[in-house]
């Protein structure tokens, strides 16, 4: 008689240079519970393996695939870090895997693939709930790493589910002890919500599609993937519960839209709740679970909004360091560029208008000062031996015709620097054009640059400076 056997591996502890993952043992426990339940997964044997060394992990993986019958169903689950080398070959980490010697202390995917190919069992499911990091000669890299799952683990009759195929974090969401992808795999089976066609059975692709949809409700930039062929498509993984709560959940799923339930839908749900005999507190719990991914995403957006507003208030235009940190925050909370684009535009537009309004009196005052400047004080541009781009030490120029406030277009160096390169260039160009209109610029001067470190405007080989260094 065909058997259903599962090996569940969770790695939460690592060697030097690799951060721990607290959710991995919980992922194993939760998956084991639903797979071993005779009313759900109905697996004959479920073996958990927590924080193994590489030899133990390989022995147990060999055990899973060895001496099986053709009709057996084998499931390998891994929750932990995945590492790719410089050829994008995948390794599964162990408790002794460290940053500097990962290839000697992790289990290569090629080993898993070999054991799988040698197995007589033709129904195999592999689930990888991990993010992938590139480990190269210069250390642990937080860079985009594409993992060819089909090349690394795919084969005929085999299904591979993965929480991501690149460096996308798979951490647990707020209020949960499970990794995000595993949380919804478990929920899909435990509640029967993954049974999309209502036939009372949960096939692998149904389960993956349910979990993927929920994950992307929370973190839109995560892209769980499934690799399968025609044989793998019909692998039956679990039975769906048939009870009033499962039925009510499906109805709530149907009417929940972007985290909200309309007033009309509320009336429908109350009627269905009464017909199914579901208590108010249980109905509220189910509705909360269904809407939770949307609400978490809104919280993530609000966290980013507040951080962006705070950064803009602290300094505008934003410094490059702040831009980089905001990008990291966006990725950490799984937000796409399009998710934050409108928000950033609205906040920036308000700040930009305020900024431009603040600049108007200063600019007008500078023009007025120039127009009232006595003729003998008109600037006499001087030549410089420096090229237009050689402006690294302009603060040391002793021949600048005006110092500090004496210059009609004096602009405090710190304020000029705070503008950022683009706006400082624009300001200097405006001042340059005014000088040209006043006939105070020689014909050879055609271009303007802002030298932020010295607080000077530079055009061609001529310098009209502020003598400000900071």
Foldseek 3Di string as FASTA:
>chain_A
DAAEEEEQEFEQAEAAPDHGAQLRVVLLVLVVVQLVPCQKQNGPYYHYHYQDWAVVVLVVLLVQQPPHAQAYEYEYEYEDEWEAEPVQWIWAAGNYQYWVPNVVTTHTLQSSQVSNVPGNHLAYEYEYEYFYWYRYPVTTDLDWGFHPCCVSHNDANYKYKYFARTRAGQGCFPPDSHGQLSVQLSVCRVLVVLVVVPPQFHAPVSSRVRSQVLSCLQFVQTGIDMDHDPNNRGHTRIGGDDALLSVLLNLLLVQQDLLDHDPVSVVVSVVSCVVRVHDPVSSVVSNCVSSVSSVNNVVLLVVLLVLLLVQVVVAPPHDPVSVVVSVVSCSNRNHDCVRCVVSNVVSVVVSVVVVVVVCVVVVVQLLVLVVPDDPVLQDAWDFAPDFPVPCPPVLPDPPQSDEAPSDSNHDALVVLLSNPFVVNLVSLVVVVVSCVVVVRDDPVWDGWGADNQNSWIDTGRTTNGHSRHD
